[in-house]
Amino acid sequence: MDPSHARRYTNAEIDRMVVDILAEGFPDGIRIPVDIDRLVYRHNLVDDIAPAELLEDKFNVAAVLISKPDGRFDILVDEETFDSHRFRANFSIAHEFGHIVLHSQVCSNCRTVEDAIALRRRIENSYDFIERNANYFAGAILMPVRTLPEDTARVYEALVKKYGYDTDLIPDKLCSTLARRYEVSLQPMSIRLKELGLTKKILAALRSSSPYLDP
């Protein structure tokens, strides 16, 4: 399918899909950090997640999606990222998984890494909503709405008890603490806190010297 025909998803639509995927993957409750590999392998369109040499060096990407003749996909992850930068790898795998769930037809002709890179560049140049949808999906599945607000409130309370109501210190420490817990990099965590309205709540609580954060 040409990218111009790809469906535009709302964040609410993606949230509903993610809730179903997480419920199926964790019927006894979500465990943090989310085991993204486990969720990906459960999907009927996924064949493998595999390291690939020099993706970053050759193409400046951490991961790509490769389609197979049987209609399934492999997610290839830059080998060094896969082995040494697992937090970044987690988001990259979740992002490509988002393309499988949301845009499998768009990616169906990516038989080689070069095909995948060409499609990525076309999307970035003209159809960036596809990338935005996949990024939102990745954030939603790795930092679930069912767990992140409560974790944010718990960490906030511990930090203000220790450091006081420093509007410069606390947001950064809170973001880094949560990023480690959810095994993601700082930027995705910062974006997710904003998406869920938690950044504003944190600053409002600090400015009012509240020891608690309403999740």
Protein backbone atom coordinates (compact mmCIF):
# COMPACT_ATOMS: atom_id res chain seq x y z
CA MET A 1 0.00 0.00 0.00
CA ASP A 2 1.18 3.50 -0.79
CA PRO A 3 1.82 5.56 2.37
CA SER A 4 -0.64 8.17 1.14
CA HIS A 5 -3.45 5.65 1.76
CA ALA A 6 -2.38 4.79 5.31
CA ARG A 7 -4.96 5.28 8.01
CA ARG A 8 -4.51 8.15 10.45
CA TYR A 9 -5.13 6.93 13.99
CA THR A 10 -6.12 9.11 16.88
CA ASN A 11 -4.24 8.69 20.15
CA ALA A 12 -7.43 7.38 21.72
CA GLU A 13 -7.71 4.66 19.07
CA ILE A 14 -4.11 3.62 19.67
CA ASP A 15 -4.68 3.63 23.43
CA ARG A 16 -7.56 1.17 23.03
CA MET A 17 -5.42 -1.17 20.91
CA VAL A 18 -2.59 -1.03 23.42
CA VAL A 19 -4.92 -1.79 26.32
CA ASP A 20 -6.08 -4.96 24.52
CA ILE A 21 -2.51 -6.05 23.68
CA LEU A 22 -1.35 -5.54 27.26
CA ALA A 23 -4.40 -7.31 28.69
CA GLU A 24 -3.77 -10.31 26.46
CA GLY A 25 -0.06 -10.35 27.20
CA PHE A 26 -0.42 -9.83 30.95
CA PRO A 27 -3.74 -11.36 32.03
CA ASP A 28 -2.68 -11.25 35.70
CA GLY A 29 -1.69 -7.58 35.57
CA ILE A 30 0.96 -5.50 33.82
CA ARG A 31 4.51 -6.10 34.99
CA ILE A 32 6.97 -3.22 34.77
CA PRO A 33 9.23 -2.97 32.89
CA VAL A 34 7.07 -4.21 30.05
CA ASP A 35 8.65 -7.20 28.33
CA ILE A 36 8.29 -5.83 24.82
CA ASP A 37 9.99 -8.84 23.23
CA ARG A 38 7.39 -11.13 24.77
CA LEU A 39 4.50 -9.03 23.48
CA VAL A 40 5.99 -8.76 20.02
CA TYR A 41 6.61 -12.49 19.67
CA ARG A 42 2.98 -13.21 20.59
CA HIS A 43 1.71 -11.30 17.55
CA ASN A 44 0.72 -13.43 14.58
CA LEU A 45 2.49 -11.18 12.07
CA VAL A 46 5.87 -11.31 13.80
CA ASP A 47 8.46 -13.93 12.93
CA ASP A 48 11.63 -12.73 14.65
CA ILE A 49 13.51 -9.94 16.44
CA ALA A 50 17.14 -10.10 15.43
CA PRO A 51 20.32 -8.01 15.70
CA ALA A 52 21.75 -6.65 12.46
CA GLU A 53 25.25 -5.34 11.90
CA LEU A 54 25.92 -1.64 11.31
CA LEU A 55 22.36 -0.37 10.85
CA GLU A 56 23.31 2.78 12.73
CA ASP A 57 26.61 3.23 10.90
CA LYS A 58 25.23 2.62 7.41
CA PHE A 59 21.72 4.06 7.63
CA ASN A 60 21.53 6.06 10.89
CA VAL A 61 18.61 3.99 12.20
CA ALA A 62 18.28 1.77 15.26
CA ALA A 63 15.78 -0.68 13.76
CA VAL A 64 13.92 -1.56 10.58
CA LEU A 65 10.99 -3.75 9.62
CA ILE A 66 11.49 -6.44 6.97
CA SER A 67 8.53 -8.16 5.29
CA LYS A 68 8.64 -11.84 4.34
CA PRO A 69 6.93 -13.75 1.52
CA ASP A 70 4.49 -15.36 3.98
CA GLY A 71 3.22 -11.94 5.08
CA ARG A 72 5.04 -11.94 8.42
CA PHE A 73 7.76 -9.55 9.57
CA ASP A 74 11.21 -9.52 11.12
CA ILE A 75 12.31 -6.61 13.28
CA LEU A 76 16.02 -6.00 12.76
CA VAL A 77 17.78 -4.01 15.48
CA ASP A 78 21.23 -2.48 15.17
CA GLU A 79 23.54 -5.00 16.82
CA GLU A 80 25.36 -2.56 19.10
CA THR A 81 22.06 -0.97 20.16
CA PHE A 82 20.61 -4.42 20.78
CA ASP A 83 23.57 -5.53 22.89
CA SER A 84 24.65 -2.33 24.66
CA HIS A 85 21.80 0.20 24.62
CA ARG A 86 18.82 -1.85 25.66
CA PHE A 87 16.63 1.08 26.70
CA ARG A 88 16.88 2.55 23.20
CA ALA A 89 16.39 -0.89 21.69
CA ASN A 90 13.17 -1.34 23.68
CA PHE A 91 11.63 1.80 22.19
CA SER A 92 12.86 0.95 18.68
CA ILE A 93 11.33 -2.54 18.89
CA ALA A 94 8.07 -1.09 20.23
CA HIS A 95 8.06 1.51 17.43
CA GLU A 96 8.46 -1.14 14.72
CA PHE A 97 5.82 -3.25 16.46
CA GLY A 98 3.55 -0.23 16.17
CA HIS A 99 4.08 -0.22 12.42
CA ILE A 100 3.12 -3.91 12.31
CA VAL A 101 -0.07 -3.34 14.28
CA LEU A 102 -1.04 -0.06 12.60
CA HIS A 103 0.60 -0.05 9.17
CA SER A 104 1.41 -3.61 8.10
CA GLN A 105 0.12 -3.07 4.56
CA VAL A 106 2.29 0.01 4.10
CA CYS A 107 5.37 -2.03 5.06
CA SER A 108 4.46 -5.18 3.11
CA ASN A 109 6.96 -4.61 0.29
CA CYS A 110 10.03 -3.98 2.47
CA ARG A 111 11.95 -7.11 1.52
CA THR A 112 15.39 -5.66 2.22
CA VAL A 113 16.95 -3.13 4.57
CA GLU A 114 17.32 -0.78 1.61
CA ASP A 115 13.58 -1.08 0.90
CA ALA A 116 12.81 -0.26 4.52
CA ILE A 117 15.12 2.76 4.54
CA ALA A 118 13.61 4.10 1.31
CA LEU A 119 10.11 3.79 2.77
CA ARG A 120 11.20 5.41 6.03
CA ARG A 121 12.61 8.41 4.16
CA ARG A 122 9.46 8.79 2.11
CA ILE A 123 7.32 8.66 5.24
CA GLU A 124 9.51 11.19 7.06
CA ASN A 125 9.40 13.57 4.10
CA SER A 126 5.69 13.44 3.26
CA TYR A 127 3.67 11.24 5.62
CA ASP A 128 5.06 11.90 9.07
CA PHE A 129 1.72 11.08 10.71
CA ILE A 130 2.70 7.42 10.23
CA GLU A 131 5.81 7.92 12.35
CA ARG A 132 3.87 9.93 14.94
CA ASN A 133 1.35 7.08 15.26
CA ALA A 134 4.14 4.51 15.72
CA ASN A 135 5.92 6.69 18.28
CA TYR A 136 2.74 7.17 20.27
CA PHE A 137 2.08 3.42 20.14
CA ALA A 138 5.60 2.70 21.44
CA GLY A 139 5.21 5.13 24.33
CA ALA A 140 1.78 3.82 25.24
CA ILE A 141 2.84 0.18 25.32
CA LEU A 142 6.11 0.69 27.21
CA MET A 143 4.74 3.28 29.65
CA PRO A 144 1.12 2.21 30.15
CA VAL A 145 -1.54 4.63 31.25
CA ARG A 146 -2.64 2.06 33.85
CA THR A 147 0.68 2.17 35.71
CA LEU A 148 2.63 5.32 34.94
CA PRO A 149 0.43 7.90 36.73
CA GLU A 150 0.49 5.95 40.00
CA ASP A 151 4.22 5.34 39.74
CA THR A 152 4.75 9.04 39.05
CA ALA A 153 2.80 9.98 42.17
CA ARG A 154 4.75 7.52 44.30
CA VAL A 155 8.14 8.72 43.03
CA TYR A 156 7.10 12.37 43.37
CA GLU A 157 6.18 11.90 47.02
CA ALA A 158 9.52 10.23 47.78
CA LEU A 159 11.53 12.91 45.99
CA VAL A 160 9.87 15.93 47.59
CA LYS A 161 10.26 14.33 50.98
CA LYS A 162 13.99 14.03 50.34
CA TYR A 163 14.74 17.18 48.30
CA GLY A 164 11.87 19.59 48.91
CA TYR A 165 9.90 21.45 46.25
CA ASP A 166 12.67 22.36 43.82
CA THR A 167 11.00 23.01 40.45
CA ASP A 168 14.31 22.51 38.62
CA LEU A 169 15.58 19.42 40.42
CA ILE A 170 12.46 17.32 41.03
CA PRO A 171 11.12 17.04 37.43
CA ASP A 172 14.50 15.88 36.13
CA LYS A 173 15.05 13.38 38.94
CA LEU A 174 11.51 12.10 38.60
CA CYS A 175 11.88 11.58 34.84
CA SER A 176 15.20 9.77 35.19
CA THR A 177 13.90 7.55 38.01
CA LEU A 178 10.87 6.54 35.98
CA ALA A 179 12.95 6.02 32.84
CA ARG A 180 15.12 3.51 34.71
CA ARG A 181 12.09 1.73 36.13
CA TYR A 182 10.40 1.43 32.72
CA GLU A 183 13.69 0.73 30.91
CA VAL A 184 13.34 3.53 28.37
CA SER A 185 15.51 6.51 27.52
CA LEU A 186 14.88 9.94 29.03
CA GLN A 187 13.31 11.52 25.94
CA PRO A 188 10.49 8.97 25.51
CA MET A 189 9.70 9.18 29.23
CA SER A 190 9.61 12.98 29.12
CA ILE A 191 7.27 12.88 26.12
CA ARG A 192 5.00 10.31 27.75
CA LEU A 193 4.69 12.36 30.95
CA LYS A 194 3.57 15.31 28.83
CA GLU A 195 1.13 13.18 26.82
CA LEU A 196 -0.60 12.05 30.01
CA GLY A 197 -0.71 15.55 31.47
CA LEU A 198 1.60 14.54 34.30
CA THR A 199 4.24 17.18 33.66
CA LYS A 200 1.75 19.97 34.35
CA LYS A 201 0.51 18.19 37.48
CA ILE A 202 4.07 17.82 38.76
CA LEU A 203 4.88 21.52 38.31
CA ALA A 204 1.56 22.60 39.81
CA ALA A 205 2.14 20.40 42.87
CA LEU A 206 5.67 21.72 43.33
CA ARG A 207 4.58 25.35 43.06
CA SER A 208 1.88 24.81 45.66
CA SER A 209 4.27 22.85 47.91
CA SER A 210 2.00 19.83 47.88
CA PRO A 211 3.53 16.66 49.33
CA TYR A 212 1.22 14.57 47.16
CA LEU A 213 0.54 14.29 43.45
CA ASP A 214 -2.95 13.44 42.26
CA PRO A 215 -2.42 10.89 39.48
